[in-house]
Amino acid sequence: SLRYTSTLSVALVVVFLIITVGITVFKLINGTTLSDASVISRCQQSNSFLNLFTIVRVLVTAYIFHYN
């Protein structure tokens, strides 16, 4: 059972990487730059640091308490 779960998780990572690389190549071919992305504009807002801090706390807590 763990073997199938691990295989599925690796397959999902590979699919995610293929999609991410595909989107990146598509944007580079079309000449879209990072300054056009909405993520950059959202990170320039004043409360973005607080949102990032909240996410980091959740991820660290999940990593610490989710061990096998």
PDB file of N, CA and C in Angstrom:
ATOM      1  N   SER A   1       0.817  -1.192   0.000  1.00  0.00           N
ATOM      2  CA  SER A   1       0.000   0.000   0.000  1.00  0.00           C
ATOM      3  C   SER A   1       0.865   1.261   0.000  1.00  0.00           C
ATOM      4  N   LEU A   2       1.920   1.258   0.807  1.00  0.00           N
ATOM      5  CA  LEU A   2       2.814   2.411   0.857  1.00  0.00           C
ATOM      6  C   LEU A   2       3.574   2.563  -0.459  1.00  0.00           C
ATOM      7  N   ARG A   3       3.862   1.447  -1.104  1.00  0.00           N
ATOM      8  CA  ARG A   3       4.559   1.505  -2.388  1.00  0.00           C
ATOM      9  C   ARG A   3       3.708   2.219  -3.431  1.00  0.00           C
ATOM     10  N   TYR A   4       2.419   1.924  -3.451  1.00  0.00           N
ATOM     11  CA  TYR A   4       1.526   2.565  -4.416  1.00  0.00           C
ATOM     12  C   TYR A   4       1.323   4.043  -4.098  1.00  0.00           C
ATOM     13  N   THR A   5       1.253   4.365  -2.827  1.00  0.00           N
ATOM     14  CA  THR A   5       1.101   5.762  -2.429  1.00  0.00           C
ATOM     15  C   THR A   5       2.333   6.564  -2.805  1.00  0.00           C
ATOM     16  N   SER A   6       3.509   6.000  -2.576  1.00  0.00           N
ATOM     17  CA  SER A   6       4.746   6.685  -2.942  1.00  0.00           C
ATOM     18  C   SER A   6       4.857   6.848  -4.451  1.00  0.00           C
ATOM     19  N   THR A   7       4.482   5.825  -5.190  1.00  0.00           N
ATOM     20  CA  THR A   7       4.510   5.911  -6.645  1.00  0.00           C
ATOM     21  C   THR A   7       3.554   6.984  -7.145  1.00  0.00           C
ATOM     22  N   LEU A   8       2.381   7.054  -6.549  1.00  0.00           N
ATOM     23  CA  LEU A   8       1.408   8.070  -6.932  1.00  0.00           C
ATOM     24  C   LEU A   8       1.918   9.472  -6.619  1.00  0.00           C
ATOM     25  N   SER A   9       2.552   9.648  -5.470  1.00  0.00           N
ATOM     26  CA  SER A   9       3.059  10.978  -5.119  1.00  0.00           C
ATOM     27  C   SER A   9       4.184  11.401  -6.052  1.00  0.00           C
ATOM     28  N   VAL A  10       5.054  10.485  -6.421  1.00  0.00           N
ATOM     29  CA  VAL A  10       6.126  10.811  -7.366  1.00  0.00           C
ATOM     30  C   VAL A  10       5.533  11.135  -8.734  1.00  0.00           C
ATOM     31  N   ALA A  11       4.525  10.391  -9.143  1.00  0.00           N
ATOM     32  CA  ALA A  11       3.879  10.665 -10.430  1.00  0.00           C
ATOM     33  C   ALA A  11       3.221  12.041 -10.432  1.00  0.00           C
ATOM     34  N   LEU A  12       2.600  12.422  -9.329  1.00  0.00           N
ATOM     35  CA  LEU A  12       1.987  13.747  -9.241  1.00  0.00           C
ATOM     36  C   LEU A  12       3.033  14.856  -9.280  1.00  0.00           C
ATOM     37  N   VAL A  13       4.180  14.614  -8.671  1.00  0.00           N
ATOM     38  CA  VAL A  13       5.269  15.597  -8.732  1.00  0.00           C
ATOM     39  C   VAL A  13       5.754  15.753 -10.167  1.00  0.00           C
ATOM     40  N   VAL A  14       5.897  14.648 -10.868  1.00  0.00           N
ATOM     41  CA  VAL A  14       6.348  14.703 -12.260  1.00  0.00           C
ATOM     42  C   VAL A  14       5.324  15.446 -13.117  1.00  0.00           C
ATOM     43  N   VAL A  15       4.045  15.183 -12.911  1.00  0.00           N
ATOM     44  CA  VAL A  15       3.001  15.891 -13.662  1.00  0.00           C
ATOM     45  C   VAL A  15       3.049  17.383 -13.355  1.00  0.00           C
ATOM     46  N   PHE A  16       3.218  17.739 -12.089  1.00  0.00           N
ATOM     47  CA  PHE A  16       3.313  19.142 -11.705  1.00  0.00           C
ATOM     48  C   PHE A  16       4.512  19.812 -12.377  1.00  0.00           C
ATOM     49  N   LEU A  17       5.652  19.139 -12.396  1.00  0.00           N
ATOM     50  CA  LEU A  17       6.839  19.711 -13.038  1.00  0.00           C
ATOM     51  C   LEU A  17       6.645  19.875 -14.539  1.00  0.00           C
ATOM     52  N   ILE A  18       6.012  18.915 -15.178  1.00  0.00           N
ATOM     53  CA  ILE A  18       5.766  19.014 -16.617  1.00  0.00           C
ATOM     54  C   ILE A  18       4.855  20.202 -16.913  1.00  0.00           C
ATOM     55  N   ILE A  19       3.803  20.365 -16.115  1.00  0.00           N
ATOM     56  CA  ILE A  19       2.893  21.497 -16.323  1.00  0.00           C
ATOM     57  C   ILE A  19       3.608  22.816 -16.072  1.00  0.00           C
ATOM     58  N   THR A  20       4.403  22.887 -15.004  1.00  0.00           N
ATOM     59  CA  THR A  20       5.117  24.122 -14.675  1.00  0.00           C
ATOM     60  C   THR A  20       6.123  24.490 -15.757  1.00  0.00           C
ATOM     61  N   VAL A  21       6.881  23.514 -16.230  1.00  0.00           N
ATOM     62  CA  VAL A  21       7.853  23.779 -17.293  1.00  0.00           C
ATOM     63  C   VAL A  21       7.131  24.169 -18.577  1.00  0.00           C
ATOM     64  N   GLY A  22       6.016  23.513 -18.869  1.00  0.00           N
ATOM     65  CA  GLY A  22       5.250  23.856 -20.064  1.00  0.00           C
ATOM     66  C   GLY A  22       4.734  25.285 -20.028  1.00  0.00           C
ATOM     67  N   ILE A  23       4.197  25.703 -18.892  1.00  0.00           N
ATOM     68  CA  ILE A  23       3.709  27.078 -18.762  1.00  0.00           C
ATOM     69  C   ILE A  23       4.862  28.065 -18.879  1.00  0.00           C
ATOM     70  N   THR A  24       6.000  27.743 -18.269  1.00  0.00           N
ATOM     71  CA  THR A  24       7.161  28.632 -18.333  1.00  0.00           C
ATOM     72  C   THR A  24       7.663  28.786 -19.758  1.00  0.00           C
ATOM     73  N   VAL A  25       7.777  27.681 -20.476  1.00  0.00           N
ATOM     74  CA  VAL A  25       8.237  27.740 -21.863  1.00  0.00           C
ATOM     75  C   VAL A  25       7.240  28.520 -22.715  1.00  0.00           C
ATOM     76  N   PHE A  26       5.964  28.300 -22.512  1.00  0.00           N
ATOM     77  CA  PHE A  26       4.931  29.022 -23.254  1.00  0.00           C
ATOM     78  C   PHE A  26       5.029  30.523 -23.007  1.00  0.00           C
ATOM     79  N   LYS A  27       5.215  30.916 -21.755  1.00  0.00           N
ATOM     80  CA  LYS A  27       5.319  32.339 -21.433  1.00  0.00           C
ATOM     81  C   LYS A  27       6.602  32.944 -22.000  1.00  0.00           C
ATOM     82  N   LEU A  28       7.685  32.184 -21.996  1.00  0.00           N
ATOM     83  CA  LEU A  28       8.932  32.696 -22.570  1.00  0.00           C
ATOM     84  C   LEU A  28       8.821  32.862 -24.079  1.00  0.00           C
ATOM     85  N   ILE A  29       8.149  31.937 -24.743  1.00  0.00           N
ATOM     86  CA  ILE A  29       7.979  32.035 -26.191  1.00  0.00           C
ATOM     87  C   ILE A  29       7.103  33.232 -26.551  1.00  0.00           C
ATOM     88  N   ASN A  30       6.058  33.474 -25.758  1.00  0.00           N
ATOM     89  CA  ASN A  30       5.164  34.604 -26.024  1.00  0.00           C
ATOM     90  C   ASN A  30       5.736  35.935 -25.559  1.00  0.00           C
ATOM     91  N   GLY A  31       6.839  35.911 -24.852  1.00  0.00           N
ATOM     92  CA  GLY A  31       7.462  37.146 -24.393  1.00  0.00           C
ATOM     93  C   GLY A  31       6.866  37.714 -23.123  1.00  0.00           C
ATOM     94  N   THR A  32       6.101  36.931 -22.410  1.00  0.00           N
ATOM     95  CA  THR A  32       5.535  37.392 -21.145  1.00  0.00           C
ATOM     96  C   THR A  32       6.631  37.385 -20.087  1.00  0.00           C
ATOM     97  N   THR A  33       6.746  38.479 -19.362  1.00  0.00           N
ATOM     98  CA  THR A  33       7.776  38.563 -18.327  1.00  0.00           C
ATOM     99  C   THR A  33       7.153  38.397 -16.958  1.00  0.00           C
ATOM    100  N   LEU A  34       8.003  38.284 -15.960  1.00  0.00           N
ATOM    101  CA  LEU A  34       7.505  38.146 -14.599  1.00  0.00           C
ATOM    102  C   LEU A  34       6.802  39.400 -14.107  1.00  0.00           C
ATOM    103  N   SER A  35       7.143  40.546 -14.653  1.00  0.00           N
ATOM    104  CA  SER A  35       6.490  41.769 -14.203  1.00  0.00           C
ATOM    105  C   SER A  35       5.022  41.807 -14.616  1.00  0.00           C
ATOM    106  N   ASP A  36       4.648  41.000 -15.602  1.00  0.00           N
ATOM    107  CA  ASP A  36       3.253  40.935 -16.027  1.00  0.00           C
ATOM    108  C   ASP A  36       2.412  40.022 -15.135  1.00  0.00           C
ATOM    109  N   ALA A  37       3.063  39.225 -14.331  1.00  0.00           N
ATOM    110  CA  ALA A  37       2.337  38.258 -13.510  1.00  0.00           C
ATOM    111  C   ALA A  37       1.625  38.954 -12.354  1.00  0.00           C
ATOM    112  N   SER A  38       0.482  38.417 -11.990  1.00  0.00           N
ATOM    113  CA  SER A  38      -0.288  39.027 -10.905  1.00  0.00           C
ATOM    114  C   SER A  38       0.331  38.747  -9.547  1.00  0.00           C
ATOM    115  N   VAL A  39       1.186  37.729  -9.461  1.00  0.00           N
ATOM    116  CA  VAL A  39       1.820  37.411  -8.185  1.00  0.00           C
ATOM    117  C   VAL A  39       2.727  38.548  -7.748  1.00  0.00           C
ATOM    118  N   ILE A  40       3.439  39.141  -8.692  1.00  0.00           N
ATOM    119  CA  ILE A  40       4.340  40.240  -8.357  1.00  0.00           C
ATOM    120  C   ILE A  40       3.556  41.419  -7.797  1.00  0.00           C
ATOM    121  N   SER A  41       2.429  41.744  -8.399  1.00  0.00           N
ATOM    122  CA  SER A  41       1.654  42.883  -7.915  1.00  0.00           C
ATOM    123  C   SER A  41       1.055  42.603  -6.546  1.00  0.00           C
ATOM    124  N   ARG A  42       0.686  41.354  -6.291  1.00  0.00           N
ATOM    125  CA  ARG A  42       0.138  41.028  -4.976  1.00  0.00           C
ATOM    126  C   ARG A  42       1.214  41.063  -3.905  1.00  0.00           C
ATOM    127  N   CYS A  43       2.457  40.731  -4.256  1.00  0.00           N
ATOM    128  CA  CYS A  43       3.531  40.728  -3.269  1.00  0.00           C
ATOM    129  C   CYS A  43       3.986  42.135  -2.918  1.00  0.00           C
ATOM    130  N   GLN A  44       3.645  43.111  -3.708  1.00  0.00           N
ATOM    131  CA  GLN A  44       4.060  44.472  -3.427  1.00  0.00           C
ATOM    132  C   GLN A  44       3.108  45.179  -2.474  1.00  0.00           C
ATOM    133  N   GLN A  45       2.023  44.547  -2.119  1.00  0.00           N
ATOM    134  CA  GLN A  45       1.098  45.156  -1.172  1.00  0.00           C
ATOM    135  C   GLN A  45       1.687  45.099   0.230  1.00  0.00           C
ATOM    136  N   SER A  46       1.205  45.962   1.105  1.00  0.00           N
ATOM    137  CA  SER A  46       1.803  46.081   2.432  1.00  0.00           C
ATOM    138  C   SER A  46       1.527  44.879   3.325  1.00  0.00           C
ATOM    139  N   ASN A  47       0.408  44.207   3.143  1.00  0.00           N
ATOM    140  CA  ASN A  47       0.091  43.090   4.029  1.00  0.00           C
ATOM    141  C   ASN A  47       0.598  41.751   3.501  1.00  0.00           C
ATOM    142  N   SER A  48       1.351  41.731   2.415  1.00  0.00           N
ATOM    143  CA  SER A  48       1.813  40.467   1.852  1.00  0.00           C
ATOM    144  C   SER A  48       2.803  39.772   2.773  1.00  0.00           C
ATOM    145  N   PHE A  49       3.605  40.544   3.520  1.00  0.00           N
ATOM    146  CA  PHE A  49       4.552  39.924   4.446  1.00  0.00           C
ATOM    147  C   PHE A  49       3.810  39.175   5.546  1.00  0.00           C
ATOM    148  N   LEU A  50       2.723  39.748   6.038  1.00  0.00           N
ATOM    149  CA  LEU A  50       1.951  39.081   7.088  1.00  0.00           C
ATOM    150  C   LEU A  50       1.305  37.809   6.561  1.00  0.00           C
ATOM    151  N   ASN A  51       0.827  37.834   5.331  1.00  0.00           N
ATOM    152  CA  ASN A  51       0.255  36.623   4.732  1.00  0.00           C
ATOM    153  C   ASN A  51       1.318  35.549   4.566  1.00  0.00           C
ATOM    154  N   LEU A  52       2.511  35.937   4.138  1.00  0.00           N
ATOM    155  CA  LEU A  52       3.607  34.982   3.996  1.00  0.00           C
ATOM    156  C   LEU A  52       3.977  34.397   5.347  1.00  0.00           C
ATOM    157  N   PHE A  53       4.022  35.230   6.378  1.00  0.00           N
ATOM    158  CA  PHE A  53       4.355  34.756   7.712  1.00  0.00           C
ATOM    159  C   PHE A  53       3.326  33.739   8.196  1.00  0.00           C
ATOM    160  N   THR A  54       2.066  33.956   7.901  1.00  0.00           N
ATOM    161  CA  THR A  54       1.019  33.017   8.298  1.00  0.00           C
ATOM    162  C   THR A  54       1.196  31.684   7.586  1.00  0.00           C
ATOM    163  N   ILE A  55       1.483  31.721   6.314  1.00  0.00           N
ATOM    164  CA  ILE A  55       1.677  30.485   5.546  1.00  0.00           C
ATOM    165  C   ILE A  55       2.887  29.714   6.055  1.00  0.00           C
ATOM    166  N   VAL A  56       3.973  30.413   6.351  1.00  0.00           N
ATOM    167  CA  VAL A  56       5.181  29.740   6.842  1.00  0.00           C
ATOM    168  C   VAL A  56       4.888  29.053   8.169  1.00  0.00           C
ATOM    169  N   ARG A  57       4.139  29.699   9.042  1.00  0.00           N
ATOM    170  CA  ARG A  57       3.809  29.071  10.329  1.00  0.00           C
ATOM    171  C   ARG A  57       2.999  27.803  10.127  1.00  0.00           C
ATOM    172  N   VAL A  58       2.047  27.831   9.221  1.00  0.00           N
ATOM    173  CA  VAL A  58       1.217  26.647   8.973  1.00  0.00           C
ATOM    174  C   VAL A  58       2.065  25.515   8.403  1.00  0.00           C
ATOM    175  N   LEU A  59       2.936  25.826   7.443  1.00  0.00           N
ATOM    176  CA  LEU A  59       3.774  24.788   6.839  1.00  0.00           C
ATOM    177  C   LEU A  59       4.758  24.193   7.836  1.00  0.00           C
ATOM    178  N   VAL A  60       5.367  25.030   8.667  1.00  0.00           N
ATOM    179  CA  VAL A  60       6.323  24.524   9.656  1.00  0.00           C
ATOM    180  C   VAL A  60       5.612  23.647  10.677  1.00  0.00           C
ATOM    181  N   THR A  61       4.450  24.070  11.128  1.00  0.00           N
ATOM    182  CA  THR A  61       3.688  23.261  12.083  1.00  0.00           C
ATOM    183  C   THR A  61       3.291  21.926  11.465  1.00  0.00           C
ATOM    184  N   ALA A  62       2.842  21.940  10.225  1.00  0.00           N
ATOM    185  CA  ALA A  62       2.468  20.694   9.556  1.00  0.00           C
ATOM    186  C   ALA A  62       3.678  19.787   9.378  1.00  0.00           C
ATOM    187  N   TYR A  63       4.834  20.358   9.067  1.00  0.00           N
ATOM    188  CA  TYR A  63       6.038  19.553   8.874  1.00  0.00           C
ATOM    189  C   TYR A  63       6.496  18.936  10.193  1.00  0.00           C
ATOM    190  N   ILE A  64       6.414  19.701  11.272  1.00  0.00           N
ATOM    191  CA  ILE A  64       6.885  19.199  12.564  1.00  0.00           C
ATOM    192  C   ILE A  64       5.987  18.080  13.081  1.00  0.00           C
ATOM    193  N   PHE A  65       4.685  18.239  12.963  1.00  0.00           N
ATOM    194  CA  PHE A  65       3.767  17.283  13.567  1.00  0.00           C
ATOM    195  C   PHE A  65       3.354  16.155  12.631  1.00  0.00           C
ATOM    196  N   HIS A  66       3.793  16.163  11.387  1.00  0.00           N
ATOM    197  CA  HIS A  66       3.420  15.107  10.453  1.00  0.00           C
ATOM    198  C   HIS A  66       4.648  14.272  10.126  1.00  0.00           C
ATOM    199  N   TYR A  67       4.980  13.395  11.018  1.00  0.00           N
ATOM    200  CA  TYR A  67       6.116  12.512  10.789  1.00  0.00           C
ATOM    201  C   TYR A  67       5.615  11.072  10.716  1.00  0.00           C
ATOM    202  N   ASN A  68       6.407  10.220  10.079  1.00  0.00           N
ATOM    203  CA  ASN A  68       5.999   8.811   9.924  1.00  0.00           C
ATOM    204  C   ASN A  68       6.606   7.973  11.015  1.00  0.00           C
TER     205      ASN A  68
END
